[in-house]
Amino acid sequence: MAPAWRKATRSGGNGGSCVEVADNLADVVLVRDTKDRDGGTLQFDPSAWRSFVTFAKHH
Protein backbone atom coordinates (compact mmCIF):
# COMPACT_ATOMS: atom_id res chain seq x y z
CA MET A 1 0.00 0.00 0.00
CA ALA A 2 1.32 3.45 -0.89
CA PRO A 3 1.59 6.07 1.85
CA ALA A 4 -1.30 8.55 2.01
CA TRP A 5 0.43 11.76 3.13
CA ARG A 6 -1.39 14.47 5.08
CA LYS A 7 -0.39 17.52 7.06
CA ALA A 8 -1.91 19.00 10.17
CA THR A 9 -4.91 21.23 9.64
CA ARG A 10 -3.32 23.72 12.05
CA SER A 11 -0.29 24.13 9.81
CA GLY A 12 -2.31 26.64 7.76
CA GLY A 13 -0.42 29.57 6.25
CA ASN A 14 2.93 29.21 7.96
CA GLY A 15 4.96 29.15 4.77
CA GLY A 16 5.26 25.36 4.61
CA SER A 17 7.08 24.95 7.92
CA CYS A 18 5.41 21.73 8.88
CA VAL A 19 5.61 17.99 8.49
CA GLU A 20 3.46 15.45 6.71
CA VAL A 21 2.46 12.13 8.20
CA ALA A 22 1.49 8.86 6.52
CA ASP A 23 -0.18 6.67 9.13
CA ASN A 24 -2.26 4.50 6.83
CA LEU A 25 0.35 1.74 6.75
CA ALA A 26 0.01 -1.39 8.90
CA ASP A 27 3.38 -1.47 10.66
CA VAL A 28 4.98 1.97 10.35
CA VAL A 29 4.19 5.68 10.57
CA LEU A 30 6.18 7.88 8.20
CA VAL A 31 7.01 11.57 8.76
CA ARG A 32 8.60 13.96 6.26
CA ASP A 33 9.34 17.67 5.84
CA THR A 34 6.86 19.42 3.53
CA LYS A 35 9.62 21.67 2.17
CA ASP A 36 11.83 18.70 1.20
CA ARG A 37 9.55 15.78 0.40
CA ASP A 38 12.33 13.87 -1.34
CA GLY A 39 14.79 14.45 1.49
CA GLY A 40 13.93 11.29 3.38
CA THR A 41 11.48 10.19 6.01
CA LEU A 42 11.47 9.30 9.66
CA GLN A 43 9.85 5.99 10.57
CA PHE A 44 8.05 5.24 13.82
CA ASP A 45 6.40 2.21 15.33
CA PRO A 46 2.63 2.98 15.45
CA SER A 47 2.48 2.66 19.26
CA ALA A 48 5.43 5.05 19.66
CA TRP A 49 3.74 7.54 17.33
CA ARG A 50 0.46 7.34 19.30
CA SER A 51 2.40 7.99 22.51
CA PHE A 52 4.09 11.02 20.95
CA VAL A 53 0.80 12.46 19.67
CA THR A 54 -0.88 11.94 23.06
CA PHE A 55 2.04 13.65 24.81
CA ALA A 56 2.04 16.56 22.33
CA LYS A 57 -1.69 17.14 22.74
CA HIS A 58 -1.33 17.50 26.50
CA HIS A 59 1.76 19.71 26.64
PDB file of N, CA and C in Angstrom:
ATOM      1  N   MET A   1       0.841  -1.175   0.000  1.00  0.00           N
ATOM      2  CA  MET A   1       0.000   0.000   0.000  1.00  0.00           C
ATOM      3  C   MET A   1       0.888   1.241   0.000  1.00  0.00           C
ATOM      4  N   ALA A   2       0.560   2.205  -0.810  1.00  0.00           N
ATOM      5  CA  ALA A   2       1.316   3.455  -0.894  1.00  0.00           C
ATOM      6  C   ALA A   2       0.944   4.381   0.269  1.00  0.00           C
ATOM      7  N   PRO A   3       1.896   5.140   0.768  1.00  0.00           N
ATOM      8  CA  PRO A   3       1.593   6.074   1.846  1.00  0.00           C
ATOM      9  C   PRO A   3       0.601   7.142   1.394  1.00  0.00           C
ATOM     10  N   ALA A   4      -0.354   7.455   2.242  1.00  0.00           N
ATOM     11  CA  ALA A   4      -1.298   8.552   2.008  1.00  0.00           C
ATOM     12  C   ALA A   4      -0.866   9.696   2.914  1.00  0.00           C
ATOM     13  N   TRP A   5      -0.146  10.673   2.358  1.00  0.00           N
ATOM     14  CA  TRP A   5       0.430  11.759   3.135  1.00  0.00           C
ATOM     15  C   TRP A   5      -0.624  12.807   3.461  1.00  0.00           C
ATOM     16  N   ARG A   6      -0.511  13.373   4.668  1.00  0.00           N
ATOM     17  CA  ARG A   6      -1.387  14.473   5.082  1.00  0.00           C
ATOM     18  C   ARG A   6      -0.601  15.370   6.023  1.00  0.00           C
ATOM     19  N   LYS A   7      -1.024  16.631   6.101  1.00  0.00           N
ATOM     20  CA  LYS A   7      -0.385  17.520   7.057  1.00  0.00           C
ATOM     21  C   LYS A   7      -1.448  18.049   8.007  1.00  0.00           C
ATOM     22  N   ALA A   8      -1.000  18.527   9.134  1.00  0.00           N
ATOM     23  CA  ALA A   8      -1.911  18.997  10.170  1.00  0.00           C
ATOM     24  C   ALA A   8      -2.766  20.145   9.654  1.00  0.00           C
ATOM     25  N   THR A   9      -4.026  20.147  10.035  1.00  0.00           N
ATOM     26  CA  THR A   9      -4.914  21.233   9.639  1.00  0.00           C
ATOM     27  C   THR A   9      -4.481  22.548  10.272  1.00  0.00           C
ATOM     28  N   ARG A  10      -3.788  22.500  11.384  1.00  0.00           N
ATOM     29  CA  ARG A  10      -3.318  23.722  12.053  1.00  0.00           C
ATOM     30  C   ARG A  10      -2.054  24.291  11.423  1.00  0.00           C
ATOM     31  N   SER A  11      -1.504  23.627  10.434  1.00  0.00           N
ATOM     32  CA  SER A  11      -0.287  24.133   9.811  1.00  0.00           C
ATOM     33  C   SER A  11      -0.574  25.318   8.903  1.00  0.00           C
ATOM     34  N   GLY A  12      -1.819  25.483   8.499  1.00  0.00           N
ATOM     35  CA  GLY A  12      -2.306  26.643   7.761  1.00  0.00           C
ATOM     36  C   GLY A  12      -1.326  27.388   6.896  1.00  0.00           C
ATOM     37  N   GLY A  13      -1.243  28.708   7.099  1.00  0.00           N
ATOM     38  CA  GLY A  13      -0.424  29.570   6.255  1.00  0.00           C
ATOM     39  C   GLY A  13       0.912  29.914   6.871  1.00  0.00           C
ATOM     40  N   ASN A  14       1.645  28.936   7.320  1.00  0.00           N
ATOM     41  CA  ASN A  14       2.927  29.215   7.962  1.00  0.00           C
ATOM     42  C   ASN A  14       4.107  29.085   7.002  1.00  0.00           C
ATOM     43  N   GLY A  15       3.867  29.201   5.726  1.00  0.00           N
ATOM     44  CA  GLY A  15       4.956  29.146   4.765  1.00  0.00           C
ATOM     45  C   GLY A  15       5.526  27.763   4.520  1.00  0.00           C
ATOM     46  N   GLY A  16       4.800  26.720   4.865  1.00  0.00           N
ATOM     47  CA  GLY A  16       5.263  25.363   4.610  1.00  0.00           C
ATOM     48  C   GLY A  16       6.145  24.786   5.688  1.00  0.00           C
ATOM     49  N   SER A  17       6.230  25.454   6.824  1.00  0.00           N
ATOM     50  CA  SER A  17       7.075  24.955   7.922  1.00  0.00           C
ATOM     51  C   SER A  17       6.321  23.923   8.745  1.00  0.00           C
ATOM     52  N   CYS A  18       6.134  22.779   8.170  1.00  0.00           N
ATOM     53  CA  CYS A  18       5.415  21.730   8.881  1.00  0.00           C
ATOM     54  C   CYS A  18       5.870  20.364   8.365  1.00  0.00           C
ATOM     55  N   VAL A  19       5.301  19.348   8.920  1.00  0.00           N
ATOM     56  CA  VAL A  19       5.608  17.989   8.494  1.00  0.00           C
ATOM     57  C   VAL A  19       4.350  17.329   7.959  1.00  0.00           C
ATOM     58  N   GLU A  20       4.557  16.281   7.194  1.00  0.00           N
ATOM     59  CA  GLU A  20       3.458  15.447   6.707  1.00  0.00           C
ATOM     60  C   GLU A  20       3.607  14.069   7.332  1.00  0.00           C
ATOM     61  N   VAL A  21       2.483  13.440   7.574  1.00  0.00           N
ATOM     62  CA  VAL A  21       2.460  12.126   8.201  1.00  0.00           C
ATOM     63  C   VAL A  21       1.690  11.161   7.305  1.00  0.00           C
ATOM     64  N   ALA A  22       2.203   9.949   7.192  1.00  0.00           N
ATOM     65  CA  ALA A  22       1.490   8.860   6.521  1.00  0.00           C
ATOM     66  C   ALA A  22       1.305   7.770   7.572  1.00  0.00           C
ATOM     67  N   ASP A  23       0.094   7.659   8.083  1.00  0.00           N
ATOM     68  CA  ASP A  23      -0.178   6.668   9.127  1.00  0.00           C
ATOM     69  C   ASP A  23      -1.198   5.632   8.684  1.00  0.00           C
ATOM     70  N   ASN A  24      -1.331   5.471   7.377  1.00  0.00           N
ATOM     71  CA  ASN A  24      -2.264   4.495   6.828  1.00  0.00           C
ATOM     72  C   ASN A  24      -1.617   3.132   6.576  1.00  0.00           C
ATOM     73  N   LEU A  25      -0.367   2.988   6.967  1.00  0.00           N
ATOM     74  CA  LEU A  25       0.353   1.735   6.745  1.00  0.00           C
ATOM     75  C   LEU A  25       0.232   0.850   7.977  1.00  0.00           C
ATOM     76  N   ALA A  26       0.284  -0.442   7.804  1.00  0.00           N
ATOM     77  CA  ALA A  26       0.013  -1.386   8.895  1.00  0.00           C
ATOM     78  C   ALA A  26       1.067  -1.365   9.994  1.00  0.00           C
ATOM     79  N   ASP A  27       2.343  -1.259   9.639  1.00  0.00           N
ATOM     80  CA  ASP A  27       3.376  -1.474  10.657  1.00  0.00           C
ATOM     81  C   ASP A  27       4.349  -0.323  10.848  1.00  0.00           C
ATOM     82  N   VAL A  28       4.063   0.833  10.223  1.00  0.00           N
ATOM     83  CA  VAL A  28       4.980   1.968  10.350  1.00  0.00           C
ATOM     84  C   VAL A  28       4.228   3.281  10.119  1.00  0.00           C
ATOM     85  N   VAL A  29       4.679   4.322  10.804  1.00  0.00           N
ATOM     86  CA  VAL A  29       4.191   5.682  10.569  1.00  0.00           C
ATOM     87  C   VAL A  29       5.365   6.454   9.987  1.00  0.00           C
ATOM     88  N   LEU A  30       5.126   7.125   8.864  1.00  0.00           N
ATOM     89  CA  LEU A  30       6.181   7.882   8.196  1.00  0.00           C
ATOM     90  C   LEU A  30       5.967   9.380   8.417  1.00  0.00           C
ATOM     91  N   VAL A  31       7.064  10.118   8.569  1.00  0.00           N
ATOM     92  CA  VAL A  31       7.011  11.566   8.762  1.00  0.00           C
ATOM     93  C   VAL A  31       8.056  12.188   7.840  1.00  0.00           C
ATOM     94  N   ARG A  32       7.664  13.277   7.145  1.00  0.00           N
ATOM     95  CA  ARG A  32       8.603  13.962   6.262  1.00  0.00           C
ATOM     96  C   ARG A  32       8.377  15.473   6.324  1.00  0.00           C
ATOM     97  N   ASP A  33       9.375  16.210   5.895  1.00  0.00           N
ATOM     98  CA  ASP A  33       9.336  17.669   5.840  1.00  0.00           C
ATOM     99  C   ASP A  33       8.601  18.099   4.573  1.00  0.00           C
ATOM    100  N   THR A  34       7.620  18.990   4.703  1.00  0.00           N
ATOM    101  CA  THR A  34       6.864  19.423   3.527  1.00  0.00           C
ATOM    102  C   THR A  34       7.708  20.235   2.555  1.00  0.00           C
ATOM    103  N   LYS A  35       8.766  20.868   3.045  1.00  0.00           N
ATOM    104  CA  LYS A  35       9.620  21.669   2.169  1.00  0.00           C
ATOM    105  C   LYS A  35      10.632  20.822   1.405  1.00  0.00           C
ATOM    106  N   ASP A  36      10.836  19.582   1.834  1.00  0.00           N
ATOM    107  CA  ASP A  36      11.827  18.702   1.198  1.00  0.00           C
ATOM    108  C   ASP A  36      11.285  17.277   1.173  1.00  0.00           C
ATOM    109  N   ARG A  37      10.245  17.078   0.415  1.00  0.00           N
ATOM    110  CA  ARG A  37       9.549  15.784   0.396  1.00  0.00           C
ATOM    111  C   ARG A  37      10.420  14.634  -0.087  1.00  0.00           C
ATOM    112  N   ASP A  38      11.436  14.925  -0.857  1.00  0.00           N
ATOM    113  CA  ASP A  38      12.331  13.873  -1.340  1.00  0.00           C
ATOM    114  C   ASP A  38      13.563  13.713  -0.463  1.00  0.00           C
ATOM    115  N   GLY A  39      13.616  14.452   0.640  1.00  0.00           N
ATOM    116  CA  GLY A  39      14.787  14.451   1.493  1.00  0.00           C
ATOM    117  C   GLY A  39      14.840  13.337   2.509  1.00  0.00           C
ATOM    118  N   GLY A  40      13.946  12.409   2.438  1.00  0.00           N
ATOM    119  CA  GLY A  40      13.934  11.292   3.376  1.00  0.00           C
ATOM    120  C   GLY A  40      12.768  11.359   4.344  1.00  0.00           C
ATOM    121  N   THR A  41      12.574  10.279   5.051  1.00  0.00           N
ATOM    122  CA  THR A  41      11.475  10.189   6.011  1.00  0.00           C
ATOM    123  C   THR A  41      11.976   9.603   7.320  1.00  0.00           C
ATOM    124  N   LEU A  42      11.278   9.956   8.370  1.00  0.00           N
ATOM    125  CA  LEU A  42      11.474   9.299   9.660  1.00  0.00           C
ATOM    126  C   LEU A  42      10.434   8.205   9.760  1.00  0.00           C
ATOM    127  N   GLN A  43      10.781   7.106  10.406  1.00  0.00           N
ATOM    128  CA  GLN A  43       9.848   5.991  10.575  1.00  0.00           C
ATOM    129  C   GLN A  43       9.653   5.720  12.057  1.00  0.00           C
ATOM    130  N   PHE A  44       8.402   5.510  12.436  1.00  0.00           N
ATOM    131  CA  PHE A  44       8.050   5.235  13.823  1.00  0.00           C
ATOM    132  C   PHE A  44       7.174   4.004  13.917  1.00  0.00           C
ATOM    133  N   ASP A  45       7.330   3.281  14.987  1.00  0.00           N
ATOM    134  CA  ASP A  45       6.400   2.212  15.333  1.00  0.00           C
ATOM    135  C   ASP A  45       5.057   2.893  15.649  1.00  0.00           C
ATOM    136  N   PRO A  46       3.923   2.328  15.196  1.00  0.00           N
ATOM    137  CA  PRO A  46       2.630   2.977  15.447  1.00  0.00           C
ATOM    138  C   PRO A  46       2.354   3.273  16.926  1.00  0.00           C
ATOM    139  N   SER A  47       2.745   2.394  17.836  1.00  0.00           N
ATOM    140  CA  SER A  47       2.484   2.662  19.256  1.00  0.00           C
ATOM    141  C   SER A  47       3.349   3.814  19.766  1.00  0.00           C
ATOM    142  N   ALA A  48       4.577   3.924  19.279  1.00  0.00           N
ATOM    143  CA  ALA A  48       5.432   5.048  19.657  1.00  0.00           C
ATOM    144  C   ALA A  48       4.855   6.355  19.122  1.00  0.00           C
ATOM    145  N   TRP A  49       4.331   6.341  17.911  1.00  0.00           N
ATOM    146  CA  TRP A  49       3.738   7.545  17.331  1.00  0.00           C
ATOM    147  C   TRP A  49       2.505   7.969  18.123  1.00  0.00           C
ATOM    148  N   ARG A  50       1.651   7.008  18.500  1.00  0.00           N
ATOM    149  CA  ARG A  50       0.464   7.340  19.301  1.00  0.00           C
ATOM    150  C   ARG A  50       0.873   7.962  20.627  1.00  0.00           C
ATOM    151  N   SER A  51       1.916   7.427  21.248  1.00  0.00           N
ATOM    152  CA  SER A  51       2.403   7.986  22.514  1.00  0.00           C
ATOM    153  C   SER A  51       2.889   9.418  22.312  1.00  0.00           C
ATOM    154  N   PHE A  52       3.616   9.673  21.247  1.00  0.00           N
ATOM    155  CA  PHE A  52       4.092  11.020  20.953  1.00  0.00           C
ATOM    156  C   PHE A  52       2.926  11.979  20.752  1.00  0.00           C
ATOM    157  N   VAL A  53       1.950  11.589  19.958  1.00  0.00           N
ATOM    158  CA  VAL A  53       0.802  12.462  19.669  1.00  0.00           C
ATOM    159  C   VAL A  53       0.026  12.747  20.966  1.00  0.00           C
ATOM    160  N   THR A  54      -0.184  11.741  21.786  1.00  0.00           N
ATOM    161  CA  THR A  54      -0.877  11.937  23.058  1.00  0.00           C
ATOM    162  C   THR A  54      -0.109  12.925  23.929  1.00  0.00           C
ATOM    163  N   PHE A  55       1.202  12.748  24.028  1.00  0.00           N
ATOM    164  CA  PHE A  55       2.041  13.653  24.810  1.00  0.00           C
ATOM    165  C   PHE A  55       1.947  15.081  24.264  1.00  0.00           C
ATOM    166  N   ALA A  56       2.057  15.226  22.951  1.00  0.00           N
ATOM    167  CA  ALA A  56       2.040  16.565  22.334  1.00  0.00           C
ATOM    168  C   ALA A  56       0.712  17.266  22.557  1.00  0.00           C
ATOM    169  N   LYS A  57      -0.373  16.536  22.538  1.00  0.00           N
ATOM    170  CA  LYS A  57      -1.691  17.138  22.739  1.00  0.00           C
ATOM    171  C   LYS A  57      -1.868  17.685  24.151  1.00  0.00           C
ATOM    172  N   HIS A  58      -1.149  17.117  25.097  1.00  0.00           N
ATOM    173  CA  HIS A  58      -1.334  17.501  26.500  1.00  0.00           C
ATOM    174  C   HIS A  58      -0.242  18.423  27.029  1.00  0.00           C
ATOM    175  N   HIS A  59       0.688  18.832  26.172  1.00  0.00           N
ATOM    176  CA  HIS A  59       1.763  19.712  26.637  1.00  0.00           C
ATOM    177  C   HIS A  59       1.931  20.914  25.765  1.00  0.00           C
TER     178      HIS A  59
END
